[in-house]
C-alpha atoms as a PDB file:
ATOM      1  CA  MET A   1      -0.192   0.223  -0.054  1.00  0.00           C
ATOM      2  CA  GLU A   2       3.165   2.532   1.096  1.00  0.00           C
ATOM      3  CA  GLU A   3       4.214   1.979  -2.285  1.00  0.00           C
ATOM      4  CA  ILE A   4       0.588   3.018  -4.068  1.00  0.00           C
ATOM      5  CA  ILE A   5       1.115   6.103  -1.796  1.00  0.00           C
ATOM      6  CA  THR A   6       4.770   6.955  -2.222  1.00  0.00           C
ATOM      7  CA  LEU A   7       4.110   6.318  -6.465  1.00  0.00           C
ATOM      8  CA  ILE A   8       0.828   8.973  -6.385  1.00  0.00           C
ATOM      9  CA  SER A   9       2.468  11.319  -3.877  1.00  0.00           C
ATOM     10  CA  PHE A  10       5.207  11.068  -7.044  1.00  0.00           C
ATOM     11  CA  VAL A  11       3.090  11.743  -9.825  1.00  0.00           C
ATOM     12  CA  ILE A  12       1.523  14.248  -7.669  1.00  0.00           C
ATOM     13  CA  LEU A  13       4.768  16.170  -6.760  1.00  0.00           C
ATOM     14  CA  VAL A  14       5.867  16.204 -10.909  1.00  0.00           C
ATOM     15  CA  ALA A  15       2.488  17.217 -12.142  1.00  0.00           C
ATOM     16  CA  PHE A  16       2.581  20.313  -9.623  1.00  0.00           C
ATOM     17  CA  LEU A  17       5.937  20.999 -10.706  1.00  0.00           C
ATOM     18  CA  MET A  18       4.958  20.825 -14.534  1.00  0.00           C
ATOM     19  CA  PHE A  19       2.053  22.923 -14.094  1.00  0.00           C
ATOM     20  CA  ILE A  20       4.812  25.579 -12.581  1.00  0.00           C
ATOM     21  CA  ASP A  21       6.844  25.308 -15.611  1.00  0.00           C
ATOM     22  CA  LEU A  22       3.922  25.791 -18.263  1.00  0.00           C
ATOM     23  CA  LYS A  23       2.412  28.486 -16.379  1.00  0.00           C
ATOM     24  CA  VAL A  24       5.989  30.364 -15.744  1.00  0.00           C
ATOM     25  CA  GLY A  25       6.517  29.708 -19.450  1.00  0.00           C
ATOM     26  CA  LYS A  26       3.336  30.852 -20.830  1.00  0.00           C
ATOM     27  CA  THR A  27       3.987  34.205 -19.199  1.00  0.00           C
ATOM     28  CA  GLN A  28       7.507  34.324 -21.194  1.00  0.00           C
ATOM     29  CA  HIS A  29       8.966  35.136 -24.811  1.00  0.00           C
ATOM     30  CA  HIS A  30       8.122  32.340 -26.808  1.00  0.00           C
ATOM     31  CA  VAL A  31      11.570  31.405 -26.951  1.00  0.00           C
ATOM     32  CA  MET A  32      13.347  31.180 -23.532  1.00  0.00           C
ATOM     33  CA  THR A  33      16.521  33.396 -22.991  1.00  0.00           C
ATOM     34  CA  LEU A  34      19.517  32.218 -22.515  1.00  0.00           C
ATOM     35  CA  LYS A  35      19.359  33.574 -18.892  1.00  0.00           C
ATOM     36  CA  SER A  36      15.904  31.884 -18.287  1.00  0.00           C
ATOM     37  CA  ALA A  37      17.062  28.099 -19.701  1.00  0.00           C
ATOM     38  CA  ALA A  38      20.078  28.498 -16.662  1.00  0.00           C
ATOM     39  CA  LEU A  39      17.949  29.294 -14.022  1.00  0.00           C
ATOM     40  CA  TRP A  40      15.819  27.174 -15.151  1.00  0.00           C
ATOM     41  CA  THR A  41      18.458  24.115 -15.335  1.00  0.00           C
ATOM     42  CA  ILE A  42      19.615  25.505 -11.974  1.00  0.00           C
ATOM     43  CA  PHE A  43      15.832  24.762 -10.570  1.00  0.00           C
ATOM     44  CA  TRP A  44      15.159  21.567 -11.878  1.00  0.00           C
ATOM     45  CA  ILE A  45      18.377  19.965 -11.317  1.00  0.00           C
ATOM     46  CA  GLY A  46      18.381  21.567  -7.842  1.00  0.00           C
ATOM     47  CA  ALA A  47      14.640  20.007  -7.455  1.00  0.00           C
ATOM     48  CA  GLY A  48      16.079  16.301  -8.307  1.00  0.00           C
ATOM     49  CA  VAL A  49      19.335  17.050  -6.110  1.00  0.00           C
ATOM     50  CA  LEU A  50      16.712  17.514  -3.462  1.00  0.00           C
ATOM     51  CA  PHE A  51      14.785  14.587  -3.959  1.00  0.00           C
ATOM     52  CA  GLY A  52      17.610  11.999  -3.995  1.00  0.00           C
ATOM     53  CA  PHE A  53      18.876  13.426  -0.368  1.00  0.00           C
ATOM     54  CA  SER A  54      15.504  13.210   0.971  1.00  0.00           C
ATOM     55  CA  LEU A  55      15.778   9.581   0.510  1.00  0.00           C
ATOM     56  CA  LEU A  56      18.517   9.470   2.942  1.00  0.00           C
ATOM     57  CA  LEU A  57      15.576  10.053   5.136  1.00  0.00           C
ATOM     58  CA  TRP A  58      12.461   8.590   4.258  1.00  0.00           C
ATOM     59  CA  GLY A  59      13.797   5.893   1.616  1.00  0.00           C
ATOM     60  CA  HIS A  60      12.470   2.725   3.204  1.00  0.00           C
ATOM     61  CA  HIS A  61       8.968   3.844   3.220  1.00  0.00           C
ATOM     62  CA  ILE A  62       8.610   3.240  -0.214  1.00  0.00           C
ATOM     63  CA  HIS A  63       8.622  -0.630  -0.221  1.00  0.00           C
ATOM     64  CA  SER A  64       7.249  -0.836   3.481  1.00  0.00           C
ATOM     65  CA  ILE A  65      10.140  -1.779   5.136  1.00  0.00           C
ATOM     66  CA  HIS A  66       9.199  -2.684   8.824  1.00  0.00           C
ATOM     67  CA  SER A  67      11.707  -5.334   9.666  1.00  0.00           C
ATOM     68  CA  ILE A  68      15.042  -7.093   9.314  1.00  0.00           C
ATOM     69  CA  GLU A  69      13.485  -9.559   6.996  1.00  0.00           C
ATOM     70  CA  ASP A  70      11.448  -6.704   4.650  1.00  0.00           C
ATOM     71  CA  LEU A  71      14.726  -5.258   4.366  1.00  0.00           C
ATOM     72  CA  SER A  72      16.647  -8.825   2.872  1.00  0.00           C
ATOM     73  CA  PHE A  73      13.864  -9.386   0.962  1.00  0.00           C
ATOM     74  CA  ILE A  74      13.924  -5.996  -0.540  1.00  0.00           C
ATOM     75  CA  ILE A  75      17.664  -6.229  -1.446  1.00  0.00           C
ATOM     76  CA  LYS A  76      17.556  -9.481  -2.676  1.00  0.00           C
ATOM     77  CA  LYS A  77      14.482  -8.931  -5.264  1.00  0.00           C
ATOM     78  CA  HIS A  78      16.266  -5.721  -6.432  1.00  0.00           C
ATOM     79  CA  HIS A  79      19.853  -6.693  -6.468  1.00  0.00           C
ATOM     80  CA  HIS A  80      21.115  -3.865  -4.257  1.00  0.00           C
ATOM     81  CA  LEU A  81      24.901  -4.478  -3.788  1.00  0.00           C
ATOM     82  CA  ILE A  82      24.725  -4.133  -0.013  1.00  0.00           C
ATOM     83  CA  ASN A  83      25.713  -6.411   2.916  1.00  0.00           C
ATOM     84  CA  ILE A  84      23.661  -6.149   6.120  1.00  0.00           C
ATOM     85  CA  ASN A  85      24.869  -9.389   8.144  1.00  0.00           C
ATOM     86  CA  GLY A  86      25.258  -8.724  11.441  1.00  0.00           C
ATOM     87  CA  LEU A  87      23.744  -5.342  11.278  1.00  0.00           C
ATOM     88  CA  ALA A  88      20.882  -4.157  13.715  1.00  0.00           C
ATOM     89  CA  PHE A  89      17.883  -3.072  12.354  1.00  0.00           C
ATOM     90  CA  ASP A  90      18.390   0.427  12.199  1.00  0.00           C
ATOM     91  CA  GLU A  91      21.972   0.496  11.154  1.00  0.00           C
ATOM     92  CA  ALA A  92      20.974  -1.732   8.391  1.00  0.00           C
ATOM     93  CA  LEU A  93      18.223   0.749   7.279  1.00  0.00           C
ATOM     94  CA  LYS A  94      20.460   3.369   7.390  1.00  0.00           C
ATOM     95  CA  LEU A  95      23.092   1.733   4.876  1.00  0.00           C
ATOM     96  CA  TYR A  96      19.513   0.580   2.604  1.00  0.00           C
ATOM     97  CA  ARG A  97      18.773   4.719   2.533  1.00  0.00           C
ATOM     98  CA  GLN A  98      22.374   5.276   1.726  1.00  0.00           C
ATOM     99  CA  ASN A  99      22.480   2.703  -1.179  1.00  0.00           C
ATOM    100  CA  LEU A 100      19.283   4.175  -2.539  1.00  0.00           C
ATOM    101  CA  THR A 101      20.800   7.383  -2.453  1.00  0.00           C
ATOM    102  CA  VAL A 102      23.553   6.302  -4.331  1.00  0.00           C
ATOM    103  CA  GLU A 103      21.550   4.530  -6.679  1.00  0.00           C
ATOM    104  CA  TYR A 104      19.037   7.731  -7.068  1.00  0.00           C
ATOM    105  CA  PHE A 105      22.276   9.465  -8.489  1.00  0.00           C
ATOM    106  CA  THR A 106      23.952   7.027 -10.573  1.00  0.00           C
ATOM    107  CA  GLY A 107      20.580   6.609 -12.479  1.00  0.00           C
ATOM    108  CA  TYR A 108      19.935  10.401 -12.344  1.00  0.00           C
ATOM    109  CA  PHE A 109      23.518  11.430 -13.640  1.00  0.00           C
ATOM    110  CA  ILE A 110      23.351   8.182 -16.330  1.00  0.00           C
ATOM    111  CA  GLU A 111      19.921   9.682 -17.556  1.00  0.00           C
ATOM    112  CA  LYS A 112      20.998  13.526 -17.433  1.00  0.00           C
ATOM    113  CA  SER A 113      24.302  12.809 -20.154  1.00  0.00           C
ATOM    114  CA  LEU A 114      22.467  10.117 -22.331  1.00  0.00           C
ATOM    115  CA  SER A 115      19.824  12.873 -22.862  1.00  0.00           C
ATOM    116  CA  LEU A 116      22.136  15.361 -23.928  1.00  0.00           C
ATOM    117  CA  ASP A 117      22.229  13.132 -27.444  1.00  0.00           C
ATOM    118  CA  ASN A 118      18.422  13.310 -27.348  1.00  0.00           C
ATOM    119  CA  ILE A 119      18.810  17.127 -27.220  1.00  0.00           C
ATOM    120  CA  PHE A 120      20.785  17.486 -30.362  1.00  0.00           C
ATOM    121  CA  VAL A 121      18.079  15.214 -32.387  1.00  0.00           C
ATOM    122  CA  TRP A 122      15.564  17.450 -31.081  1.00  0.00           C
ATOM    123  CA  LEU A 123      17.895  20.485 -32.878  1.00  0.00           C
ATOM    124  CA  ILE A 124      17.758  18.551 -36.009  1.00  0.00           C
ATOM    125  CA  ILE A 125      14.137  18.023 -36.241  1.00  0.00           C
ATOM    126  CA  PHE A 126      12.761  21.065 -35.191  1.00  0.00           C
ATOM    127  CA  MET A 127      15.516  22.732 -38.444  1.00  0.00           C
ATOM    128  CA  SER A 128      14.524  20.110 -40.450  1.00  0.00           C
ATOM    129  CA  PHE A 129      11.108  20.720 -40.320  1.00  0.00           C
ATOM    130  CA  ASN A 130      11.585  24.443 -40.386  1.00  0.00           C
ATOM    131  CA  VAL A 131       9.748  24.814 -37.389  1.00  0.00           C
ATOM    132  CA  PRO A 132       9.296  28.361 -35.947  1.00  0.00           C
ATOM    133  CA  GLU A 133      11.233  29.017 -32.520  1.00  0.00           C
ATOM    134  CA  LYS A 134       7.786  30.597 -31.194  1.00  0.00           C
ATOM    135  CA  TYR A 135       6.677  26.476 -31.392  1.00  0.00           C
ATOM    136  CA  TYR A 136       9.604  24.967 -29.564  1.00  0.00           C
ATOM    137  CA  LYS A 137       8.457  25.628 -26.232  1.00  0.00           C
ATOM    138  CA  ASP A 138       4.933  24.103 -26.503  1.00  0.00           C
ATOM    139  CA  ILE A 139       6.261  21.131 -28.271  1.00  0.00           C
ATOM    140  CA  LEU A 140       8.916  20.349 -26.129  1.00  0.00           C
ATOM    141  CA  PHE A 141       6.689  20.764 -22.917  1.00  0.00           C
ATOM    142  CA  TRP A 142       4.347  18.102 -24.146  1.00  0.00           C
ATOM    143  CA  GLY A 143       7.176  15.984 -25.598  1.00  0.00           C
ATOM    144  CA  ILE A 144       7.889  15.707 -21.808  1.00  0.00           C
ATOM    145  CA  VAL A 145       4.777  14.872 -20.901  1.00  0.00           C
ATOM    146  CA  GLY A 146       4.559  12.348 -22.890  1.00  0.00           C
ATOM    147  CA  ALA A 147       7.824  11.091 -21.852  1.00  0.00           C
ATOM    148  CA  VAL A 148       6.941  10.677 -18.186  1.00  0.00           C
ATOM    149  CA  VAL A 149       3.952   8.577 -19.223  1.00  0.00           C
ATOM    150  CA  PHE A 150       5.747   6.382 -21.472  1.00  0.00           C
ATOM    151  CA  ARG A 151       8.433   5.953 -19.234  1.00  0.00           C
ATOM    152  CA  PHE A 152       5.930   4.401 -16.672  1.00  0.00           C
ATOM    153  CA  ILE A 153       5.128   2.256 -18.345  1.00  0.00           C
ATOM    154  CA  PHE A 154       8.681   1.173 -19.873  1.00  0.00           C
ATOM    155  CA  ILE A 155       9.993   0.767 -16.890  1.00  0.00           C
ATOM    156  CA  PHE A 156       7.580  -0.505 -14.625  1.00  0.00           C
ATOM    157  CA  GLY A 157       6.736  -3.198 -17.679  1.00  0.00           C
ATOM    158  CA  LEU A 158      10.238  -4.391 -17.445  1.00  0.00           C
ATOM    159  CA  SER A 159      10.979  -4.329 -13.492  1.00  0.00           C
ATOM    160  CA  SER A 160       8.056  -6.879 -13.886  1.00  0.00           C
ATOM    161  CA  LEU A 161       9.489  -8.857 -16.467  1.00  0.00           C
ATOM    162  CA  LEU A 162      13.035  -9.269 -14.602  1.00  0.00           C
ATOM    163  CA  THR A 163      11.393 -10.455 -12.193  1.00  0.00           C
ATOM    164  CA  ALA A 164      10.040 -13.196 -14.126  1.00  0.00           C
ATOM    165  CA  PHE A 165      13.393 -13.747 -16.174  1.00  0.00           C
ATOM    166  CA  GLU A 166      15.915 -12.307 -14.841  1.00  0.00           C
ATOM    167  CA  TRP A 167      18.487 -13.379 -18.189  1.00  0.00           C
ATOM    168  CA  VAL A 168      16.316 -10.544 -19.877  1.00  0.00           C
ATOM    169  CA  LEU A 169      18.875  -8.541 -18.114  1.00  0.00           C
ATOM    170  CA  PHE A 170      21.409 -10.437 -20.257  1.00  0.00           C
ATOM    171  CA  ILE A 171      19.460  -9.108 -23.414  1.00  0.00           C
ATOM    172  CA  PHE A 172      19.580  -5.744 -22.135  1.00  0.00           C
ATOM    173  CA  ALA A 173      23.582  -5.449 -21.845  1.00  0.00           C
ATOM    174  CA  ALA A 174      23.776  -6.466 -25.291  1.00  0.00           C
ATOM    175  CA  ILE A 175      21.665  -3.724 -25.961  1.00  0.00           C
ATOM    176  CA  LEU A 176      24.042  -1.386 -24.391  1.00  0.00           C
ATOM    177  CA  LEU A 177      27.202  -3.004 -25.953  1.00  0.00           C
ATOM    178  CA  TYR A 178      26.097  -2.432 -29.039  1.00  0.00           C
ATOM    179  CA  THR A 179      24.825   0.924 -28.840  1.00  0.00           C
ATOM    180  CA  GLY A 180      27.668   2.101 -26.882  1.00  0.00           C
ATOM    181  CA  ILE A 181      30.292   0.640 -29.918  1.00  0.00           C
ATOM    182  CA  LYS A 182      28.097   1.975 -32.389  1.00  0.00           C
ATOM    183  CA  MET A 183      28.215   5.337 -30.652  1.00  0.00           C
ATOM    184  CA  ILE A 184      32.136   5.295 -30.073  1.00  0.00           C
ATOM    185  CA  PHE A 185      32.652   4.620 -34.216  1.00  0.00           C
ATOM    186  CA  LYS A 186      29.789   6.714 -35.635  1.00  0.00           C
ATOM    187  CA  LYS A 187      31.140   9.139 -38.430  1.00  0.00           C
ATOM    188  CA  LYS A 188      30.511  13.137 -38.012  1.00  0.00           C
ATOM    189  CA  ASP A 189      28.765  14.606 -40.504  1.00  0.00           C
ATOM    190  CA  ASN A 190      27.328  17.900 -41.154  1.00  0.00           C
ATOM    191  CA  GLY A 191      23.371  16.733 -40.225  1.00  0.00           C
ATOM    192  CA  GLU A 192      22.133  16.736 -43.598  1.00  0.00           C
ATOM    193  CA  LYS A 193      21.867  12.759 -43.641  1.00  0.00           C
ATOM    194  CA  GLU A 194      20.052  12.736 -40.097  1.00  0.00           C
ATOM    195  CA  LYS A 195      17.474  15.526 -41.739  1.00  0.00           C
ATOM    196  CA  GLU A 196      16.996  13.251 -44.965  1.00  0.00           C
ATOM    197  CA  LYS A 197      16.313  10.076 -42.209  1.00  0.00           C
ATOM    198  CA  TYR A 198      13.830  11.877 -40.383  1.00  0.00           C
ATOM    199  CA  GLN A 199      12.270  13.578 -42.988  1.00  0.00           C
ATOM    200  CA  ASN A 200      11.710  10.149 -44.747  1.00  0.00           C
ATOM    201  CA  HIS A 201      10.131   8.107 -41.701  1.00  0.00           C
ATOM    202  CA  PHE A 202       7.668   5.624 -41.986  1.00  0.00           C
ATOM    203  CA  ILE A 203       5.399   7.998 -39.212  1.00  0.00           C
ATOM    204  CA  VAL A 204       5.945  11.286 -41.757  1.00  0.00           C
ATOM    205  CA  ARG A 205       4.719   9.877 -44.732  1.00  0.00           C
ATOM    206  CA  GLN A 206       2.248   8.513 -42.527  1.00  0.00           C
ATOM    207  CA  PHE A 207       0.924  11.691 -41.938  1.00  0.00           C
ATOM    208  CA  SER A 208       1.063  12.443 -45.590  1.00  0.00           C
ATOM    209  CA  LYS A 209      -1.112  10.738 -46.147  1.00  0.00           C
ATOM    210  CA  PHE A 210      -3.627  11.932 -44.000  1.00  0.00           C
ATOM    211  CA  ARG A 211      -6.454  13.782 -45.305  1.00  0.00           C
ATOM    212  CA  HIS A 212      -7.288  16.137 -42.590  1.00  0.00           C
ATOM    213  CA  PHE A 213      -3.442  17.113 -42.052  1.00  0.00           C
ATOM    214  CA  TYR A 214      -2.559  20.912 -41.956  1.00  0.00           C
ATOM    215  CA  PRO A 215       1.219  21.134 -42.493  1.00  0.00           C
ATOM    216  CA  ASP A 216       1.858  24.816 -40.772  1.00  0.00           C
ATOM    217  CA  TYR A 217       2.239  25.156 -37.550  1.00  0.00           C
ATOM    218  CA  ASP A 218       0.002  28.315 -36.557  1.00  0.00           C
ATOM    219  CA  ARG A 219      -2.855  26.472 -35.307  1.00  0.00           C
ATOM    220  CA  GLY A 220      -1.840  24.571 -31.894  1.00  0.00           C
ATOM    221  CA  PHE A 221      -2.005  20.912 -32.220  1.00  0.00           C
ATOM    222  CA  PHE A 222      -5.290  20.363 -33.259  1.00  0.00           C
ATOM    223  CA  PHE A 223      -8.544  22.420 -34.745  1.00  0.00           C
ATOM    224  CA  LYS A 224     -11.933  21.929 -36.200  1.00  0.00           C
ATOM    225  CA  LYS A 225     -13.091  23.021 -39.354  1.00  0.00           C
ATOM    226  CA  GLY A 226     -16.046  21.828 -41.409  1.00  0.00           C
ATOM    227  CA  GLY A 227     -17.147  19.571 -38.604  1.00  0.00           C
ATOM    228  CA  PHE A 228     -13.563  17.700 -39.070  1.00  0.00           C
ATOM    229  CA  ILE A 229     -10.806  17.707 -36.304  1.00  0.00           C
ATOM    230  CA  PHE A 230      -7.666  18.590 -38.427  1.00  0.00           C
ATOM    231  CA  VAL A 231      -4.135  17.595 -36.840  1.00  0.00           C
ATOM    232  CA  THR A 232      -1.046  20.419 -37.624  1.00  0.00           C
ATOM    233  CA  GLY A 233       2.167  20.035 -38.347  1.00  0.00           C
ATOM    234  CA  SER A 234       3.002  20.828 -34.745  1.00  0.00           C
ATOM    235  CA  PHE A 235       1.667  17.004 -33.737  1.00  0.00           C
ATOM    236  CA  LEU A 236       3.679  15.426 -36.345  1.00  0.00           C
ATOM    237  CA  VAL A 237       6.939  16.676 -34.822  1.00  0.00           C
ATOM    238  CA  LEU A 238       5.746  16.258 -31.261  1.00  0.00           C
ATOM    239  CA  CYS A 239       4.705  12.685 -32.559  1.00  0.00           C
ATOM    240  CA  ILE A 240       8.141  12.213 -34.170  1.00  0.00           C
ATOM    241  CA  VAL A 241       9.946  13.897 -30.907  1.00  0.00           C
ATOM    242  CA  GLU A 242       8.165  11.120 -28.651  1.00  0.00           C
ATOM    243  CA  PHE A 243       8.975   8.341 -31.328  1.00  0.00           C
ATOM    244  CA  ILE A 244      12.751   9.606 -30.753  1.00  0.00           C
ATOM    245  CA  ASP A 245      12.163   9.622 -27.054  1.00  0.00           C
ATOM    246  CA  ILE A 246      11.079   6.488 -26.692  1.00  0.00           C
ATOM    247  CA  ILE A 247      14.299   5.043 -29.020  1.00  0.00           C
ATOM    248  CA  PHE A 248      16.714   6.801 -26.686  1.00  0.00           C
ATOM    249  CA  ALA A 249      14.776   5.151 -23.449  1.00  0.00           C
ATOM    250  CA  ILE A 250      15.079   1.950 -25.169  1.00  0.00           C
ATOM    251  CA  ASP A 251      19.216   2.323 -24.743  1.00  0.00           C
ATOM    252  CA  SER A 252      19.148   4.407 -21.517  1.00  0.00           C
ATOM    253  CA  ILE A 253      16.914   2.691 -19.523  1.00  0.00           C
ATOM    254  CA  PRO A 254      18.566  -0.574 -19.319  1.00  0.00           C
ATOM    255  CA  ALA A 255      21.573   1.531 -18.135  1.00  0.00           C
ATOM    256  CA  ILE A 256      19.651   2.312 -14.897  1.00  0.00           C
ATOM    257  CA  PHE A 257      18.620  -1.151 -14.896  1.00  0.00           C
ATOM    258  CA  ALA A 258      22.474  -2.363 -14.747  1.00  0.00           C
ATOM    259  CA  ILE A 259      22.546   0.234 -11.511  1.00  0.00           C
ATOM    260  CA  THR A 260      19.934  -1.525  -9.849  1.00  0.00           C
ATOM    261  CA  ALA A 261      16.584  -3.175 -10.252  1.00  0.00           C
ATOM    262  CA  ASP A 262      14.136  -1.299  -7.865  1.00  0.00           C
ATOM    263  CA  PRO A 263      11.964   0.417 -10.126  1.00  0.00           C
ATOM    264  CA  TYR A 264      10.860   2.906  -8.222  1.00  0.00           C
ATOM    265  CA  ILE A 265      14.251   4.175  -7.820  1.00  0.00           C
ATOM    266  CA  ILE A 266      14.710   4.064 -11.833  1.00  0.00           C
ATOM    267  CA  TYR A 267      11.361   5.847 -12.080  1.00  0.00           C
ATOM    268  CA  PHE A 268      12.331   8.733  -9.768  1.00  0.00           C
ATOM    269  CA  SER A 269      15.264   9.194 -10.993  1.00  0.00           C
ATOM    270  CA  ASN A 270      14.596   8.976 -14.690  1.00  0.00           C
ATOM    271  CA  ILE A 271      11.524  11.645 -14.109  1.00  0.00           C
ATOM    272  CA  PHE A 272      13.525  14.102 -12.549  1.00  0.00           C
ATOM    273  CA  ALA A 273      16.565  13.695 -15.048  1.00  0.00           C
ATOM    274  CA  ILE A 274      14.048  14.360 -17.781  1.00  0.00           C
ATOM    275  CA  LEU A 275      11.951  17.597 -16.396  1.00  0.00           C
ATOM    276  CA  GLY A 276      14.404  19.571 -17.117  1.00  0.00           C
ATOM    277  CA  LEU A 277      15.199  18.513 -21.174  1.00  0.00           C
ATOM    278  CA  ARG A 278      13.457  21.807 -22.793  1.00  0.00           C
ATOM    279  CA  ALA A 279      15.205  23.932 -20.107  1.00  0.00           C
ATOM    280  CA  LEU A 280      18.236  22.565 -21.144  1.00  0.00           C
ATOM    281  CA  PHE A 281      17.715  22.015 -24.664  1.00  0.00           C
ATOM    282  CA  PHE A 282      17.298  25.821 -24.821  1.00  0.00           C
ATOM    283  CA  LEU A 283      20.879  25.959 -22.666  1.00  0.00           C
ATOM    284  CA  VAL A 284      22.292  24.123 -25.734  1.00  0.00           C
ATOM    285  CA  TYR A 285      20.313  25.457 -28.224  1.00  0.00           C
ATOM    286  CA  HIS A 286      21.800  29.273 -27.299  1.00  0.00           C
ATOM    287  CA  GLY A 287      25.289  28.153 -27.216  1.00  0.00           C
ATOM    288  CA  LEU A 288      26.001  24.734 -26.825  1.00  0.00           C
ATOM    289  CA  ARG A 289      25.841  23.337 -29.961  1.00  0.00           C
ATOM    290  CA  SER A 290      28.264  20.963 -30.130  1.00  0.00           C
ATOM    291  CA  LEU A 291      30.278  18.540 -27.539  1.00  0.00           C
ATOM    292  CA  TYR A 292      32.834  16.855 -30.176  1.00  0.00           C
ATOM    293  CA  TYR A 293      34.028  14.033 -28.195  1.00  0.00           C
ATOM    294  CA  LEU A 294      29.877  13.713 -26.434  1.00  0.00           C
ATOM    295  CA  ASN A 295      29.901  10.007 -29.013  1.00  0.00           C
ATOM    296  CA  TYR A 296      32.877   8.769 -27.295  1.00  0.00           C
ATOM    297  CA  GLY A 297      31.135   9.628 -23.554  1.00  0.00           C
ATOM    298  CA  LEU A 298      28.262   8.016 -23.987  1.00  0.00           C
ATOM    299  CA  GLY A 299      29.254   5.325 -25.946  1.00  0.00           C
ATOM    300  CA  THR A 300      32.022   4.602 -23.071  1.00  0.00           C
ATOM    301  CA  LEU A 301      29.120   5.273 -20.802  1.00  0.00           C
ATOM    302  CA  LEU A 302      26.789   2.802 -22.534  1.00  0.00           C
ATOM    303  CA  ILE A 303      29.491  -0.363 -22.691  1.00  0.00           C
ATOM    304  CA  LEU A 304      30.528   0.152 -19.330  1.00  0.00           C
ATOM    305  CA  MET A 305      27.272  -0.299 -17.848  1.00  0.00           C
ATOM    306  CA  GLY A 306      26.626  -3.504 -20.215  1.00  0.00           C
ATOM    307  CA  VAL A 307      29.946  -5.437 -18.790  1.00  0.00           C
ATOM    308  CA  LYS A 308      28.698  -4.426 -15.404  1.00  0.00           C
ATOM    309  CA  ILE A 309      25.583  -6.301 -15.773  1.00  0.00           C
ATOM    310  CA  ILE A 310      27.013  -9.822 -17.492  1.00  0.00           C
ATOM    311  CA  THR A 311      30.011  -8.884 -14.358  1.00  0.00           C
ATOM    312  CA  GLU A 312      27.066  -8.706 -11.626  1.00  0.00           C
ATOM    313  CA  ASP A 313      28.691 -11.376  -9.448  1.00  0.00           C
ATOM    314  CA  TRP A 314      32.115 -11.066  -9.693  1.00  0.00           C
ATOM    315  CA  LEU A 315      31.902  -7.172  -9.109  1.00  0.00           C
ATOM    316  CA  HIS A 316      30.105  -7.764  -6.128  1.00  0.00           C
ATOM    317  CA  GLU A 317      32.551 -10.857  -5.048  1.00  0.00           C
ATOM    318  CA  ILE A 318      35.502  -8.063  -5.103  1.00  0.00           C
ATOM    319  CA  GLY A 319      33.314  -5.371  -3.119  1.00  0.00           C
ATOM    320  CA  PHE A 320      32.531  -3.460  -6.044  1.00  0.00           C
ATOM    321  CA  THR A 321      29.726  -0.860  -4.956  1.00  0.00           C
ATOM    322  CA  ASN A 322      26.878   1.471  -6.629  1.00  0.00           C
ATOM    323  CA  ILE A 323      29.385   4.312  -5.402  1.00  0.00           C
ATOM    324  CA  HIS A 324      32.183   3.243  -7.789  1.00  0.00           C
ATOM    325  CA  SER A 325      29.484   3.226 -10.074  1.00  0.00           C
ATOM    326  CA  LEU A 326      28.693   6.686  -9.352  1.00  0.00           C
ATOM    327  CA  ILE A 327      32.348   7.578  -9.645  1.00  0.00           C
ATOM    328  CA  LEU A 328      32.843   6.033 -12.531  1.00  0.00           C
ATOM    329  CA  VAL A 329      30.067   7.805 -14.490  1.00  0.00           C
ATOM    330  CA  LEU A 330      30.861  11.440 -13.050  1.00  0.00           C
ATOM    331  CA  SER A 331      34.391  10.734 -14.283  1.00  0.00           C
ATOM    332  CA  ILE A 332      33.432   9.892 -17.852  1.00  0.00           C
ATOM    333  CA  ILE A 333      30.976  12.815 -17.778  1.00  0.00           C
ATOM    334  CA  THR A 334      33.684  15.429 -16.844  1.00  0.00           C
ATOM    335  CA  ILE A 335      36.513  14.045 -18.858  1.00  0.00           C
ATOM    336  CA  THR A 336      33.721  14.444 -22.213  1.00  0.00           C
ATOM    337  CA  ILE A 337      33.218  17.646 -21.395  1.00  0.00           C
ATOM    338  CA  VAL A 338      36.763  18.956 -20.573  1.00  0.00           C
ATOM    339  CA  ALA A 339      38.425  17.251 -23.279  1.00  0.00           C
ATOM    340  CA  SER A 340      35.417  18.590 -25.325  1.00  0.00           C
ATOM    341  CA  LEU A 341      36.007  22.182 -24.653  1.00  0.00           C
ATOM    342  CA  LEU A 342      39.703  22.096 -24.691  1.00  0.00           C
ATOM    343  CA  LYS A 343      39.142  20.841 -28.134  1.00  0.00           C
ATOM    344  CA  LYS A 344      37.333  23.728 -28.939  1.00  0.00           C
ATOM    345  CA  ASN A 345      39.222  25.834 -27.421  1.00  0.00           C
ATOM    346  CA  ASN A 346      42.310  25.049 -29.259  1.00  0.00           C
ATOM    347  CA  SER A 347      40.461  25.150 -32.595  1.00  0.00           C
ATOM    348  CA  LYS A 348      39.582  28.966 -32.320  1.00  0.00           C
ATOM    349  CA  VAL A 349      43.489  29.602 -31.342  1.00  0.00           C
ATOM    350  CA  LYS A 350      44.083  27.356 -34.654  1.00  0.00           C
ATOM    351  CA  SER A 351      41.787  29.482 -36.252  1.00  0.00           C
ATOM    352  CA  ASN A 352      43.046  33.118 -34.929  1.00  0.00           C
ATOM    353  CA  VAL A 353      46.924  31.988 -35.836  1.00  0.00           C
END
């Protein structure tokens, strides 16, 4: 019962935060400024960090843990990398909450870093369909709302699958290894191939056949005319944004299942990571158009998570914990950003010589 109450409370919290975002956004310019994007990004990161640390106080209530037997069952069920043998219940509970917090932040930073690639694809989509800048915010807002709903279905569905068939984790590992290697060896181009690919996508072709389709963006997502409901170009782009998010979720969510099998921690970290994507999009749009080594960093991250799934038992034996996972994730993200900035500065120096 406490699990259901926790989930409902979380959904209400997310709905409240998104309502504030929507209301404040309506009072501002259509295109989020660099300053506004930076402030909102700080707000969303702050909210995610605050929620993570709050797990230190109430994390055990998620699964209604009231005894050492309850705790042992949950640790085994969700593959938490902690050992509570010989500990008093209060000490074991404290260790469990600390581990939940580490798992949350590891998942949060993985999803946040992988979402950068998502943002760059969104930019390509908006440019390839010539979407006016003033419509970006609404499309992204409803795109994120859809992502919140879809990820709930995806995460809890996968969790049920894992409970019945643990070998599914090895399929996730294969997906992560394949995607990571593909990312590292992906050739850089000017974006024209990506534009062509999305313009010729199955969804786009199907919309072109739809009789009640209005290709422009100035009438919202739907409008009624002559007794018929018409869908607009904005709705088409929204569908593509949602489709892209599904594709990226197939890569990113298995990476977090490599950290923990607890669907609540996965969902909490995932949602707080994507809630700030709209603000982060405009931050990227205004000045951080490219991180040169992004593919290498994300590819390495996915490969490491795939290896972690395959070698989980061995890592547990040698004392590898989720703290080590978090350190690895943060190190890869930091190295990727610093190396990209150094590359950018070196390019500027050479161009000025």
